[in-house]
Protein backbone atom coordinates (compact mmCIF):
# COMPACT_ATOMS: atom_id res chain seq x y z
CA MET A 1 -0.19 -0.01 -0.09
CA MET A 2 1.14 3.22 -0.53
CA GLN A 3 1.96 6.30 2.13
CA GLU A 4 0.04 9.43 1.66
CA ALA A 5 1.76 12.09 0.48
CA LYS A 6 2.97 14.42 3.26
CA PHE A 7 4.55 17.07 1.35
CA SER A 8 3.85 19.57 -1.21
CA LEU A 9 6.93 21.63 -3.27
CA TYR A 10 6.20 24.55 -2.58
CA ASN A 11 6.38 28.11 -4.48
CA GLY A 12 4.27 31.43 -2.85
CA TYR A 13 5.60 33.75 0.43
CA LEU A 14 8.67 31.78 2.67
CA MET A 15 7.50 33.31 5.74
CA GLY A 16 11.44 34.77 6.66
CA LEU A 17 11.95 30.71 6.24
CA PRO A 18 16.18 30.82 4.83
CA THR A 19 16.55 29.68 0.93
CA ASN A 20 18.16 30.55 -1.37
CA GLU A 21 18.50 29.10 -4.94
CA ASN A 22 20.59 26.01 -3.89
CA HIS A 23 17.50 24.92 -2.07
CA PHE A 24 13.52 23.25 -2.74
CA VAL A 25 10.65 24.00 -0.47
CA PHE A 26 8.19 22.11 1.08
CA ARG A 27 5.06 22.94 2.59
CA TRP A 28 4.05 20.38 5.19
CA ILE A 29 0.39 17.95 3.99
CA GLY A 30 -0.59 19.67 7.65
CA PRO A 31 -2.76 22.15 10.04
CA GLY A 32 -1.28 25.28 9.87
CA LYS A 33 1.34 26.65 6.82
CA VAL A 34 4.88 24.97 7.75
CA LEU A 35 7.35 25.28 5.60
CA PHE A 36 11.03 24.02 4.81
CA SER A 37 14.26 24.10 3.50
CA VAL A 38 16.28 22.23 3.00
CA THR A 39 19.29 21.95 0.61
CA GLN A 40 22.25 19.15 0.46
CA ILE A 41 25.91 19.60 2.00
CA GLY A 42 27.88 16.26 1.49
CA LYS A 43 25.67 13.69 2.15
CA ALA A 44 23.99 15.79 4.47
CA ALA A 45 20.60 17.80 4.18
CA SER A 46 20.98 21.28 5.75
CA CYS A 47 16.98 21.87 7.17
CA HIS A 48 15.54 25.39 8.29
CA PHE A 49 11.61 26.03 8.79
CA ALA A 50 8.87 28.78 8.98
CA SER A 51 5.41 28.38 10.39
CA ASP A 52 2.52 30.11 10.85
CA LYS A 53 0.94 30.21 14.11
CA LYS A 54 -1.88 27.75 13.95
CA GLY A 55 1.08 24.99 12.28
CA LEU A 56 3.34 25.63 15.68
CA ARG A 57 0.77 23.48 17.91
CA HIS A 58 1.64 20.36 15.05
CA LEU A 59 5.39 21.77 14.67
CA LYS A 60 6.48 18.09 16.77
CA LYS A 61 4.54 16.02 14.37
CA ALA A 62 5.87 18.73 11.16
CA CYS A 63 9.46 17.98 11.45
CA ASP A 64 9.88 14.31 12.75
CA ASP A 65 7.58 13.86 9.51
CA PHE A 66 10.02 16.13 6.81
CA VAL A 67 13.27 14.59 8.18
CA LYS A 68 11.49 10.74 7.75
CA PHE A 69 10.79 12.37 3.60
CA CYS A 70 14.69 13.53 3.46
CA PHE A 71 15.41 10.59 4.67
CA PHE A 72 12.94 8.87 1.84
CA LEU A 73 13.26 11.36 -0.91
CA PHE A 74 16.90 11.92 -1.30
CA PRO A 75 19.10 8.91 -1.55
CA TRP A 76 22.27 10.91 -0.80
CA CYS A 77 21.13 11.98 2.75
CA ARG A 78 22.84 10.55 5.69
CA MET A 79 21.46 12.74 8.61
CA CYS A 80 20.12 15.13 8.97
CA ILE A 81 21.50 18.72 10.58
CA ALA A 82 19.53 21.61 11.52
CA HIS A 83 21.43 25.24 13.12
CA VAL A 84 18.46 26.53 15.65
CA GLY A 85 18.50 29.61 17.81
CA PRO A 86 15.79 29.62 20.65
CA LYS A 87 16.15 26.79 23.32
CA SER A 88 13.03 26.17 23.16
CA ILE A 89 12.00 24.50 19.06
CA GLY A 90 16.25 22.76 20.83
CA ARG A 91 14.60 21.15 23.11
CA LEU A 92 11.64 20.68 21.11
CA ILE A 93 14.12 19.24 17.99
CA MET A 94 15.89 16.79 20.73
CA LYS A 95 12.53 14.57 21.22
CA ILE A 96 12.48 14.12 18.15
CA GLY A 97 15.77 12.79 17.69
CA PHE A 98 17.66 15.07 16.81
CA LEU A 99 21.44 15.10 19.31
CA PRO A 100 23.32 18.30 19.90
CA LEU A 101 26.50 18.91 17.53
CA GLY A 102 27.74 21.94 18.67
CA GLU A 103 27.31 25.85 18.25
CA SER A 104 27.53 28.54 16.63
CA ASP A 105 27.77 32.56 16.17
CA ARG A 106 24.40 31.88 15.53
CA GLY A 107 22.90 29.42 17.95
CA ASN A 108 23.18 25.09 17.92
CA VAL A 109 23.62 23.15 15.84
CA TYR A 110 21.99 18.93 15.81
CA VAL A 111 22.26 16.47 14.01
CA ARG A 112 19.21 13.05 13.36
CA LEU A 113 21.04 10.11 11.70
CA PRO A 114 18.62 7.71 10.02
């Protein structure tokens, strides 16, 4: 049985989502508007997100779905990396399996393996 799609390619208002010509942008098919940008860095997927207020209540599920989607969609993906500023987002992504990798001047870096 084929699994239902949880993401669609997105082209529209980005809500401040970090992106450039090297990023794909996807919208989570779920409550609210949750966007993800992803680009390849070696064998890692570097990911960012943006959300409206309604989507924030579903962010844990949306982020977990997106990481699984990256591992499925990109055969080169051996890890997902997230560069996070707010500590609350760091705590949230640690609940879905991300581990602290290091610090930078802009926040903390987390990694999740398949």
